[in-house]
PDB file of all heavy atoms in Angstrom:
ATOM      1  N   GLU A   1       0.855  -1.195  -0.001  1.00  0.00           N
ATOM      2  CA  GLU A   1      -0.006   0.000   0.000  1.00  0.00           C
ATOM      3  C   GLU A   1       0.892   1.240  -0.002  1.00  0.00           C
ATOM      4  O   GLU A   1       1.756   1.378   0.856  1.00  0.00           O
ATOM      5  CB  GLU A   1      -0.896   0.010   1.235  1.00  0.00           C
ATOM      6  CG  GLU A   1      -1.784  -1.224   1.363  1.00  0.00           C
ATOM      7  CD  GLU A   1      -2.593  -1.200   2.650  1.00  0.00           C
ATOM      8  OE1 GLU A   1      -2.916  -0.083   3.125  1.00  0.00           O
ATOM      9  OE2 GLU A   1      -2.879  -2.280   3.180  1.00  0.00           O
ATOM     10  N   PRO A   2       0.686   2.174  -0.914  1.00  0.00           N
ATOM     11  CA  PRO A   2       1.552   3.366  -0.966  1.00  0.00           C
ATOM     12  C   PRO A   2       1.348   4.342   0.174  1.00  0.00           C
ATOM     13  O   PRO A   2       2.262   5.054   0.560  1.00  0.00           O
ATOM     14  CB  PRO A   2       1.195   4.002  -2.320  1.00  0.00           C
ATOM     15  CG  PRO A   2      -0.199   3.531  -2.591  1.00  0.00           C
ATOM     16  CD  PRO A   2      -0.294   2.155  -2.012  1.00  0.00           C
ATOM     17  N   HIS A   3       0.154   4.385   0.734  1.00  0.00           N
ATOM     18  CA  HIS A   3      -0.140   5.319   1.826  1.00  0.00           C
ATOM     19  C   HIS A   3      -0.635   4.518   3.024  1.00  0.00           C
ATOM     20  O   HIS A   3      -1.667   3.851   2.957  1.00  0.00           O
ATOM     21  CB  HIS A   3      -1.198   6.341   1.399  1.00  0.00           C
ATOM     22  CG  HIS A   3      -0.839   7.093   0.163  1.00  0.00           C
ATOM     23  ND1 HIS A   3       0.074   8.133   0.155  1.00  0.00           N
ATOM     24  CD2 HIS A   3      -1.249   6.933  -1.116  1.00  0.00           C
ATOM     25  CE1 HIS A   3       0.179   8.593  -1.076  1.00  0.00           C
ATOM     26  NE2 HIS A   3      -0.590   7.877  -1.879  1.00  0.00           N
ATOM     27  N   VAL A   4       0.091   4.607   4.139  1.00  0.00           N
ATOM     28  CA  VAL A   4      -0.248   3.852   5.333  1.00  0.00           C
ATOM     29  C   VAL A   4      -0.225   4.780   6.532  1.00  0.00           C
ATOM     30  O   VAL A   4       0.691   5.591   6.696  1.00  0.00           O
ATOM     31  CB  VAL A   4       0.744   2.685   5.550  1.00  0.00           C
ATOM     32  CG1 VAL A   4       0.450   1.987   6.884  1.00  0.00           C
ATOM     33  CG2 VAL A   4       0.684   1.698   4.406  1.00  0.00           C
ATOM     34  N   GLU A   5      -1.230   4.652   7.382  1.00  0.00           N
ATOM     35  CA  GLU A   5      -1.291   5.413   8.630  1.00  0.00           C
ATOM     36  C   GLU A   5      -1.574   4.440   9.777  1.00  0.00           C
ATOM     37  O   GLU A   5      -2.496   3.628   9.707  1.00  0.00           O
ATOM     38  CB  GLU A   5      -2.365   6.505   8.582  1.00  0.00           C
ATOM     39  CG  GLU A   5      -2.440   7.318   9.878  1.00  0.00           C
ATOM     40  CD  GLU A   5      -3.497   8.413   9.815  1.00  0.00           C
ATOM     41  OE1 GLU A   5      -4.289   8.422   8.851  1.00  0.00           O
ATOM     42  OE2 GLU A   5      -3.542   9.247  10.750  1.00  0.00           O
ATOM     43  N   ILE A   6      -0.773   4.514  10.833  1.00  0.00           N
ATOM     44  CA  ILE A   6      -0.945   3.662  11.998  1.00  0.00           C
ATOM     45  C   ILE A   6      -1.129   4.567  13.220  1.00  0.00           C
ATOM     46  O   ILE A   6      -0.333   5.466  13.467  1.00  0.00           O
ATOM     47  CB  ILE A   6       0.270   2.740  12.194  1.00  0.00           C
ATOM     48  CG1 ILE A   6       0.457   1.864  10.946  1.00  0.00           C
ATOM     49  CG2 ILE A   6       0.104   1.870  13.442  1.00  0.00           C
ATOM     50  CD1 ILE A   6       1.731   1.060  10.970  1.00  0.00           C
ATOM     51  N   ARG A   7      -2.160   4.283  13.982  1.00  0.00           N
ATOM     52  CA  ARG A   7      -2.499   5.127  15.136  1.00  0.00           C
ATOM     53  C   ARG A   7      -1.984   4.502  16.438  1.00  0.00           C
ATOM     54  O   ARG A   7      -1.655   3.317  16.502  1.00  0.00           O
ATOM     55  CB  ARG A   7      -4.021   5.280  15.241  1.00  0.00           C
ATOM     56  CG  ARG A   7      -4.640   6.064  14.090  1.00  0.00           C
ATOM     57  CD  ARG A   7      -4.461   7.527  14.317  1.00  0.00           C
ATOM     58  NE  ARG A   7      -5.012   8.346  13.242  1.00  0.00           N
ATOM     59  CZ  ARG A   7      -4.972   9.664  13.234  1.00  0.00           C
ATOM     60  NH1 ARG A   7      -4.396  10.309  14.247  1.00  0.00           N
ATOM     61  NH2 ARG A   7      -5.470  10.356  12.228  1.00  0.00           N
ATOM     62  N   VAL A   8      -1.907   5.327  17.484  1.00  0.00           N
ATOM     63  CA  VAL A   8      -1.501   4.848  18.797  1.00  0.00           C
ATOM     64  C   VAL A   8      -2.463   3.753  19.252  1.00  0.00           C
ATOM     65  O   VAL A   8      -3.685   3.886  19.116  1.00  0.00           O
ATOM     66  CB  VAL A   8      -1.500   6.000  19.836  1.00  0.00           C
ATOM     67  CG1 VAL A   8      -1.155   5.472  21.217  1.00  0.00           C
ATOM     68  CG2 VAL A   8      -0.511   7.060  19.428  1.00  0.00           C
ATOM     69  N   GLY A   9      -1.909   2.652  19.772  1.00  0.00           N
ATOM     70  CA  GLY A   9      -2.729   1.546  20.261  1.00  0.00           C
ATOM     71  C   GLY A   9      -2.953   0.462  19.228  1.00  0.00           C
ATOM     72  O   GLY A   9      -3.393  -0.641  19.594  1.00  0.00           O
ATOM     73  N   GLU A  10      -2.664   0.721  17.965  1.00  0.00           N
ATOM     74  CA  GLU A  10      -2.847  -0.312  16.947  1.00  0.00           C
ATOM     75  C   GLU A  10      -1.748  -1.364  17.032  1.00  0.00           C
ATOM     76  O   GLU A  10      -0.621  -1.073  17.445  1.00  0.00           O
ATOM     77  CB  GLU A  10      -2.837   0.296  15.539  1.00  0.00           C
ATOM     78  CG  GLU A  10      -4.101   1.018  15.160  1.00  0.00           C
ATOM     79  CD  GLU A  10      -4.170   1.276  13.656  1.00  0.00           C
ATOM     80  OE1 GLU A  10      -4.419   0.324  12.908  1.00  0.00           O
ATOM     81  OE2 GLU A  10      -3.928   2.424  13.253  1.00  0.00           O
ATOM     82  N   ARG A  11      -2.104  -2.567  16.630  1.00  0.00           N
ATOM     83  CA  ARG A  11      -1.133  -3.658  16.579  1.00  0.00           C
ATOM     84  C   ARG A  11      -1.142  -4.206  15.148  1.00  0.00           C
ATOM     85  O   ARG A  11      -2.176  -4.706  14.677  1.00  0.00           O
ATOM     86  CB  ARG A  11      -1.474  -4.743  17.596  1.00  0.00           C
ATOM     87  CG  ARG A  11      -1.339  -4.223  19.024  1.00  0.00           C
ATOM     88  CD  ARG A  11      -1.989  -5.141  20.002  1.00  0.00           C
ATOM     89  NE  ARG A  11      -1.946  -4.578  21.341  1.00  0.00           N
ATOM     90  CZ  ARG A  11      -2.675  -5.039  22.340  1.00  0.00           C
ATOM     91  NH1 ARG A  11      -3.490  -6.067  22.163  1.00  0.00           N
ATOM     92  NH2 ARG A  11      -2.598  -4.482  23.531  1.00  0.00           N
ATOM     93  N   VAL A  12       0.031  -4.107  14.525  1.00  0.00           N
ATOM     94  CA  VAL A  12       0.119  -4.379  13.090  1.00  0.00           C
ATOM     95  C   VAL A  12       1.174  -5.437  12.827  1.00  0.00           C
ATOM     96  O   VAL A  12       2.290  -5.359  13.352  1.00  0.00           O
ATOM     97  CB  VAL A  12       0.451  -3.097  12.288  1.00  0.00           C
ATOM     98  CG1 VAL A  12       0.472  -3.391  10.793  1.00  0.00           C
ATOM     99  CG2 VAL A  12      -0.539  -2.002  12.623  1.00  0.00           C
ATOM    100  N   MET A  13       0.811  -6.425  12.003  1.00  0.00           N
ATOM    101  CA  MET A  13       1.755  -7.449  11.561  1.00  0.00           C
ATOM    102  C   MET A  13       2.212  -7.098  10.153  1.00  0.00           C
ATOM    103  O   MET A  13       1.386  -6.925   9.259  1.00  0.00           O
ATOM    104  CB  MET A  13       1.066  -8.818  11.573  1.00  0.00           C
ATOM    105  CG  MET A  13       1.993  -9.936  11.198  1.00  0.00           C
ATOM    106  SD  MET A  13       3.166 -10.288  12.511  1.00  0.00           S
ATOM    107  CE  MET A  13       4.365 -11.265  11.611  1.00  0.00           C
ATOM    108  N   ILE A  14       3.542  -6.962   9.973  1.00  0.00           N
ATOM    109  CA  ILE A  14       4.101  -6.639   8.660  1.00  0.00           C
ATOM    110  C   ILE A  14       4.871  -7.859   8.176  1.00  0.00           C
ATOM    111  O   ILE A  14       5.848  -8.271   8.821  1.00  0.00           O
ATOM    112  CB  ILE A  14       5.017  -5.406   8.711  1.00  0.00           C
ATOM    113  CG1 ILE A  14       4.249  -4.203   9.280  1.00  0.00           C
ATOM    114  CG2 ILE A  14       5.560  -5.083   7.339  1.00  0.00           C
ATOM    115  CD1 ILE A  14       5.098  -2.955   9.442  1.00  0.00           C
ATOM    116  N   THR A  15       4.442  -8.480   7.082  1.00  0.00           N
ATOM    117  CA  THR A  15       5.049  -9.709   6.597  1.00  0.00           C
ATOM    118  C   THR A  15       5.616  -9.494   5.197  1.00  0.00           C
ATOM    119  O   THR A  15       5.452  -8.442   4.580  1.00  0.00           O
ATOM    120  CB  THR A  15       4.027 -10.845   6.572  1.00  0.00           C
ATOM    121  OG1 THR A  15       2.971 -10.496   5.659  1.00  0.00           O
ATOM    122  CG2 THR A  15       3.438 -11.070   7.955  1.00  0.00           C
ATOM    123  N   GLY A  16       6.293 -10.529   4.719  1.00  0.00           N
ATOM    124  CA  GLY A  16       6.855 -10.503   3.374  1.00  0.00           C
ATOM    125  C   GLY A  16       7.537 -11.810   3.065  1.00  0.00           C
ATOM    126  O   GLY A  16       7.888 -12.574   3.968  1.00  0.00           O
ATOM    127  N   GLU A  17       7.721 -12.075   1.787  1.00  0.00           N
ATOM    128  CA  GLU A  17       8.408 -13.285   1.383  1.00  0.00           C
ATOM    129  C   GLU A  17       9.892 -13.226   1.796  1.00  0.00           C
ATOM    130  O   GLU A  17      10.446 -12.128   1.978  1.00  0.00           O
ATOM    131  CB  GLU A  17       8.310 -13.459  -0.137  1.00  0.00           C
ATOM    132  CG  GLU A  17       6.901 -13.667  -0.662  1.00  0.00           C
ATOM    133  CD  GLU A  17       6.311 -14.982  -0.184  1.00  0.00           C
ATOM    134  OE1 GLU A  17       7.108 -15.953  -0.034  1.00  0.00           O
ATOM    135  OE2 GLU A  17       5.093 -15.049   0.048  1.00  0.00           O
ATOM    136  N   PRO A  18      10.542 -14.378   1.924  1.00  0.00           N
ATOM    137  CA  PRO A  18      11.988 -14.357   2.198  1.00  0.00           C
ATOM    138  C   PRO A  18      12.738 -13.557   1.119  1.00  0.00           C
ATOM    139  O   PRO A  18      12.498 -13.735  -0.067  1.00  0.00           O
ATOM    140  CB  PRO A  18      12.382 -15.848   2.148  1.00  0.00           C
ATOM    141  CG  PRO A  18      11.126 -16.573   2.506  1.00  0.00           C
ATOM    142  CD  PRO A  18      10.008 -15.760   1.910  1.00  0.00           C
ATOM    143  N   GLY A  19      13.618 -12.673   1.557  1.00  0.00           N
ATOM    144  CA  GLY A  19      14.357 -11.830   0.631  1.00  0.00           C
ATOM    145  C   GLY A  19      13.629 -10.578   0.210  1.00  0.00           C
ATOM    146  O   GLY A  19      14.130  -9.791  -0.611  1.00  0.00           O
ATOM    147  N   ALA A  20      12.438 -10.339   0.774  1.00  0.00           N
ATOM    148  CA  ALA A  20      11.683  -9.133   0.403  1.00  0.00           C
ATOM    149  C   ALA A  20      12.301  -7.871   0.978  1.00  0.00           C
ATOM    150  O   ALA A  20      12.082  -6.776   0.456  1.00  0.00           O
ATOM    151  CB  ALA A  20      10.227  -9.270   0.868  1.00  0.00           C
ATOM    152  N   GLY A  21      13.079  -8.020   2.065  1.00  0.00           N
ATOM    153  CA  GLY A  21      13.727  -6.843   2.640  1.00  0.00           C
ATOM    154  C   GLY A  21      13.108  -6.402   3.946  1.00  0.00           C
ATOM    155  O   GLY A  21      13.046  -5.198   4.235  1.00  0.00           O
ATOM    156  N   LYS A  22      12.662  -7.375   4.749  1.00  0.00           N
ATOM    157  CA  LYS A  22      11.999  -7.001   6.001  1.00  0.00           C
ATOM    158  C   LYS A  22      12.958  -6.327   6.986  1.00  0.00           C
ATOM    159  O   LYS A  22      12.609  -5.319   7.604  1.00  0.00           O
ATOM    160  CB  LYS A  22      11.368  -8.268   6.625  1.00  0.00           C
ATOM    161  CG  LYS A  22      10.260  -8.877   5.784  1.00  0.00           C
ATOM    162  CD  LYS A  22       9.548 -10.007   6.500  1.00  0.00           C
ATOM    163  CE  LYS A  22      10.425 -11.245   6.628  1.00  0.00           C
ATOM    164  NZ  LYS A  22      10.753 -11.847   5.308  1.00  0.00           N
ATOM    165  N   THR A  23      14.163  -6.903   7.166  1.00  0.00           N
ATOM    166  CA  THR A  23      15.126  -6.276   8.084  1.00  0.00           C
ATOM    167  C   THR A  23      15.602  -4.946   7.535  1.00  0.00           C
ATOM    168  O   THR A  23      15.856  -3.991   8.287  1.00  0.00           O
ATOM    169  CB  THR A  23      16.309  -7.232   8.318  1.00  0.00           C
ATOM    170  OG1 THR A  23      15.850  -8.372   9.026  1.00  0.00           O
ATOM    171  CG2 THR A  23      17.403  -6.555   9.136  1.00  0.00           C
ATOM    172  N   LEU A  24      15.729  -4.832   6.222  1.00  0.00           N
ATOM    173  CA  LEU A  24      16.093  -3.554   5.600  1.00  0.00           C
ATOM    174  C   LEU A  24      15.026  -2.506   5.895  1.00  0.00           C
ATOM    175  O   LEU A  24      15.338  -1.345   6.187  1.00  0.00           O
ATOM    176  CB  LEU A  24      16.263  -3.770   4.085  1.00  0.00           C
ATOM    177  CG  LEU A  24      17.115  -2.753   3.340  1.00  0.00           C
ATOM    178  CD1 LEU A  24      18.554  -2.783   3.844  1.00  0.00           C
ATOM    179  CD2 LEU A  24      17.090  -3.034   1.840  1.00  0.00           C
ATOM    180  N   PHE A  25      13.772  -2.904   5.831  1.00  0.00           N
ATOM    181  CA  PHE A  25      12.662  -2.002   6.144  1.00  0.00           C
ATOM    182  C   PHE A  25      12.716  -1.583   7.610  1.00  0.00           C
ATOM    183  O   PHE A  25      12.511  -0.401   7.946  1.00  0.00           O
ATOM    184  CB  PHE A  25      11.339  -2.726   5.835  1.00  0.00           C
ATOM    185  CG  PHE A  25      10.139  -1.849   5.908  1.00  0.00           C
ATOM    186  CD1 PHE A  25       9.758  -1.076   4.824  1.00  0.00           C
ATOM    187  CD2 PHE A  25       9.361  -1.800   7.043  1.00  0.00           C
ATOM    188  CE1 PHE A  25       8.629  -0.258   4.885  1.00  0.00           C
ATOM    189  CE2 PHE A  25       8.234  -0.988   7.125  1.00  0.00           C
ATOM    190  CZ  PHE A  25       7.880  -0.216   6.035  1.00  0.00           C
ATOM    191  N   PHE A  26      13.026  -2.542   8.494  1.00  0.00           N
ATOM    192  CA  PHE A  26      13.171  -2.237   9.923  1.00  0.00           C
ATOM    193  C   PHE A  26      14.283  -1.219  10.156  1.00  0.00           C
ATOM    194  O   PHE A  26      14.130  -0.277  10.945  1.00  0.00           O
ATOM    195  CB  PHE A  26      13.471  -3.557  10.660  1.00  0.00           C
ATOM    196  CG  PHE A  26      13.803  -3.394  12.115  1.00  0.00           C
ATOM    197  CD1 PHE A  26      12.808  -3.211  13.066  1.00  0.00           C
ATOM    198  CD2 PHE A  26      15.119  -3.424  12.545  1.00  0.00           C
ATOM    199  CE1 PHE A  26      13.119  -3.073  14.414  1.00  0.00           C
ATOM    200  CE2 PHE A  26      15.446  -3.286  13.888  1.00  0.00           C
ATOM    201  CZ  PHE A  26      14.429  -3.108  14.820  1.00  0.00           C
ATOM    202  N   ARG A  27      15.402  -1.404   9.478  1.00  0.00           N
ATOM    203  CA  ARG A  27      16.524  -0.464   9.623  1.00  0.00           C
ATOM    204  C   ARG A  27      16.175   0.920   9.113  1.00  0.00           C
ATOM    205  O   ARG A  27      16.613   1.931   9.658  1.00  0.00           O
ATOM    206  CB  ARG A  27      17.754  -1.003   8.892  1.00  0.00           C
ATOM    207  CG  ARG A  27      18.350  -2.213   9.567  1.00  0.00           C
ATOM    208  CD  ARG A  27      19.474  -2.793   8.736  1.00  0.00           C
ATOM    209  NE  ARG A  27      20.133  -3.894   9.433  1.00  0.00           N
ATOM    210  CZ  ARG A  27      21.077  -4.655   8.904  1.00  0.00           C
ATOM    211  NH1 ARG A  27      21.483  -4.429   7.664  1.00  0.00           N
ATOM    212  NH2 ARG A  27      21.617  -5.621   9.611  1.00  0.00           N
ATOM    213  N   ALA A  28      15.386   0.969   8.054  1.00  0.00           N
ATOM    214  CA  ALA A  28      14.954   2.275   7.539  1.00  0.00           C
ATOM    215  C   ALA A  28      14.089   2.995   8.564  1.00  0.00           C
ATOM    216  O   ALA A  28      14.228   4.205   8.782  1.00  0.00           O
ATOM    217  CB  ALA A  28      14.193   2.086   6.226  1.00  0.00           C
ATOM    218  N   LEU A  29      13.181   2.281   9.217  1.00  0.00           N
ATOM    219  CA  LEU A  29      12.342   2.905  10.256  1.00  0.00           C
ATOM    220  C   LEU A  29      13.192   3.417  11.415  1.00  0.00           C
ATOM    221  O   LEU A  29      12.876   4.462  12.007  1.00  0.00           O
ATOM    222  CB  LEU A  29      11.318   1.904  10.782  1.00  0.00           C
ATOM    223  CG  LEU A  29      10.269   1.369   9.788  1.00  0.00           C
ATOM    224  CD1 LEU A  29       9.275   0.478  10.495  1.00  0.00           C
ATOM    225  CD2 LEU A  29       9.550   2.527   9.096  1.00  0.00           C
ATOM    226  N   ALA A  30      14.285   2.684  11.714  1.00  0.00           N
ATOM    227  CA  ALA A  30      15.158   3.092  12.834  1.00  0.00           C
ATOM    228  C   ALA A  30      16.109   4.213  12.441  1.00  0.00           C
ATOM    229  O   ALA A  30      16.837   4.727  13.300  1.00  0.00           O
ATOM    230  CB  ALA A  30      15.940   1.883  13.324  1.00  0.00           C
ATOM    231  N   GLY A  31      16.150   4.591  11.162  1.00  0.00           N
ATOM    232  CA  GLY A  31      17.056   5.645  10.718  1.00  0.00           C
ATOM    233  C   GLY A  31      18.458   5.168  10.399  1.00  0.00           C
ATOM    234  O   GLY A  31      19.343   5.982  10.117  1.00  0.00           O
ATOM    235  N   LEU A  32      18.673   3.839  10.448  1.00  0.00           N
ATOM    236  CA  LEU A  32      20.008   3.294  10.151  1.00  0.00           C
ATOM    237  C   LEU A  32      20.260   3.211   8.651  1.00  0.00           C
ATOM    238  O   LEU A  32      21.411   3.259   8.222  1.00  0.00           O
ATOM    239  CB  LEU A  32      20.154   1.910  10.765  1.00  0.00           C
ATOM    240  CG  LEU A  32      20.041   1.807  12.293  1.00  0.00           C
ATOM    241  CD1 LEU A  32      20.154   0.365  12.741  1.00  0.00           C
ATOM    242  CD2 LEU A  32      21.115   2.649  12.959  1.00  0.00           C
ATOM    243  N   TRP A  33      19.210   3.080   7.870  1.00  0.00           N
ATOM    244  CA  TRP A  33      19.348   2.904   6.417  1.00  0.00           C
ATOM    245  C   TRP A  33      18.578   4.028   5.736  1.00  0.00           C
ATOM    246  O   TRP A  33      17.375   3.945   5.547  1.00  0.00           O
ATOM    247  CB  TRP A  33      18.787   1.530   5.999  1.00  0.00           C
ATOM    248  CG  TRP A  33      19.152   1.142   4.615  1.00  0.00           C
ATOM    249  CD1 TRP A  33      18.451   1.361   3.478  1.00  0.00           C
ATOM    250  CD2 TRP A  33      20.313   0.435   4.225  1.00  0.00           C
ATOM    251  NE1 TRP A  33      19.092   0.852   2.396  1.00  0.00           N
ATOM    252  CE2 TRP A  33      20.237   0.258   2.819  1.00  0.00           C
ATOM    253  CE3 TRP A  33      21.420  -0.078   4.907  1.00  0.00           C
ATOM    254  CZ2 TRP A  33      21.243  -0.387   2.086  1.00  0.00           C
ATOM    255  CZ3 TRP A  33      22.395  -0.725   4.182  1.00  0.00           C
ATOM    256  CH2 TRP A  33      22.313  -0.888   2.805  1.00  0.00           C
ATOM    257  N   PRO A  34      19.251   5.131   5.360  1.00  0.00           N
ATOM    258  CA  PRO A  34      18.528   6.315   4.890  1.00  0.00           C
ATOM    259  C   PRO A  34      18.247   6.342   3.390  1.00  0.00           C
ATOM    260  O   PRO A  34      17.604   7.253   2.905  1.00  0.00           O
ATOM    261  CB  PRO A  34      19.507   7.437   5.248  1.00  0.00           C
ATOM    262  CG  PRO A  34      20.853   6.804   5.075  1.00  0.00           C
ATOM    263  CD  PRO A  34      20.688   5.372   5.501  1.00  0.00           C
ATOM    264  N   TRP A  35      18.753   5.358   2.643  1.00  0.00           N
ATOM    265  CA  TRP A  35      18.667   5.447   1.188  1.00  0.00           C
ATOM    266  C   TRP A  35      17.331   4.956   0.668  1.00  0.00           C
ATOM    267  O   TRP A  35      16.819   3.927   1.092  1.00  0.00           O
ATOM    268  CB  TRP A  35      19.816   4.647   0.560  1.00  0.00           C
ATOM    269  CG  TRP A  35      21.134   5.146   1.037  1.00  0.00           C
ATOM    270  CD1 TRP A  35      21.771   6.282   0.646  1.00  0.00           C
ATOM    271  CD2 TRP A  35      21.982   4.530   2.017  1.00  0.00           C
ATOM    272  NE1 TRP A  35      22.958   6.429   1.322  1.00  0.00           N
ATOM    273  CE2 TRP A  35      23.124   5.364   2.171  1.00  0.00           C
ATOM    274  CE3 TRP A  35      21.916   3.371   2.788  1.00  0.00           C
ATOM    275  CZ2 TRP A  35      24.153   5.067   3.050  1.00  0.00           C
ATOM    276  CZ3 TRP A  35      22.930   3.076   3.669  1.00  0.00           C
ATOM    277  CH2 TRP A  35      24.046   3.917   3.792  1.00  0.00           C
ATOM    278  N   GLY A  36      16.787   5.722  -0.260  1.00  0.00           N
ATOM    279  CA  GLY A  36      15.513   5.378  -0.860  1.00  0.00           C
ATOM    280  C   GLY A  36      14.733   6.624  -1.211  1.00  0.00           C
ATOM    281  O   GLY A  36      15.301   7.670  -1.520  1.00  0.00           O
ATOM    282  N   SER A  37      13.413   6.510  -1.151  1.00  0.00           N
ATOM    283  CA  SER A  37      12.562   7.655  -1.487  1.00  0.00           C
ATOM    284  C   SER A  37      11.278   7.542  -0.660  1.00  0.00           C
ATOM    285  O   SER A  37      11.024   6.537   0.007  1.00  0.00           O
ATOM    286  CB  SER A  37      12.241   7.679  -2.984  1.00  0.00           C
ATOM    287  OG  SER A  37      11.577   6.493  -3.381  1.00  0.00           O
ATOM    288  N   GLY A  38      10.466   8.585  -0.732  1.00  0.00           N
ATOM    289  CA  GLY A  38       9.256   8.620   0.048  1.00  0.00           C
ATOM    290  C   GLY A  38       9.459   9.276   1.409  1.00  0.00           C
ATOM    291  O   GLY A  38      10.511   9.875   1.679  1.00  0.00           O
ATOM    292  N   ARG A  39       8.467   9.131   2.258  1.00  0.00           N
ATOM    293  CA  ARG A  39       8.500   9.827   3.564  1.00  0.00           C
ATOM    294  C   ARG A  39       8.033   8.892   4.677  1.00  0.00           C
ATOM    295  O   ARG A  39       7.099   8.106   4.498  1.00  0.00           O
ATOM    296  CB  ARG A  39       7.605  11.051   3.543  1.00  0.00           C
ATOM    297  CG  ARG A  39       7.594  11.859   4.834  1.00  0.00           C
ATOM    298  CD  ARG A  39       6.638  13.040   4.746  1.00  0.00           C
ATOM    299  NE  ARG A  39       6.673  13.870   5.954  1.00  0.00           N
ATOM    300  CZ  ARG A  39       5.954  13.630   7.047  1.00  0.00           C
ATOM    301  NH1 ARG A  39       5.133  12.583   7.094  1.00  0.00           N
ATOM    302  NH2 ARG A  39       6.044  14.437   8.092  1.00  0.00           N
ATOM    303  N   ILE A  40       8.747   8.986   5.818  1.00  0.00           N
ATOM    304  CA  ILE A  40       8.322   8.331   7.044  1.00  0.00           C
ATOM    305  C   ILE A  40       7.938   9.406   8.036  1.00  0.00           C
ATOM    306  O   ILE A  40       8.772  10.242   8.398  1.00  0.00           O
ATOM    307  CB  ILE A  40       9.430   7.440   7.642  1.00  0.00           C
ATOM    308  CG1 ILE A  40       9.813   6.328   6.658  1.00  0.00           C
ATOM    309  CG2 ILE A  40       9.001   6.849   8.977  1.00  0.00           C
ATOM    310  CD1 ILE A  40      10.976   5.477   7.132  1.00  0.00           C
ATOM    311  N   GLY A  41       6.675   9.405   8.469  1.00  0.00           N
ATOM    312  CA  GLY A  41       6.222  10.360   9.465  1.00  0.00           C
ATOM    313  C   GLY A  41       6.163   9.698  10.825  1.00  0.00           C
ATOM    314  O   GLY A  41       5.361   8.776  11.043  1.00  0.00           O
TER     315      GLY A  41
END
């Protein structure tokens, strides 16, 4: 989904196929991996 909003108190499961880049996505949220495009609010 290109536009996602998560509110306080929500519990969300984020999945993907092996090699999809789940840990890379986690690092991007943590600010460790800054390369790419789009916005994290």
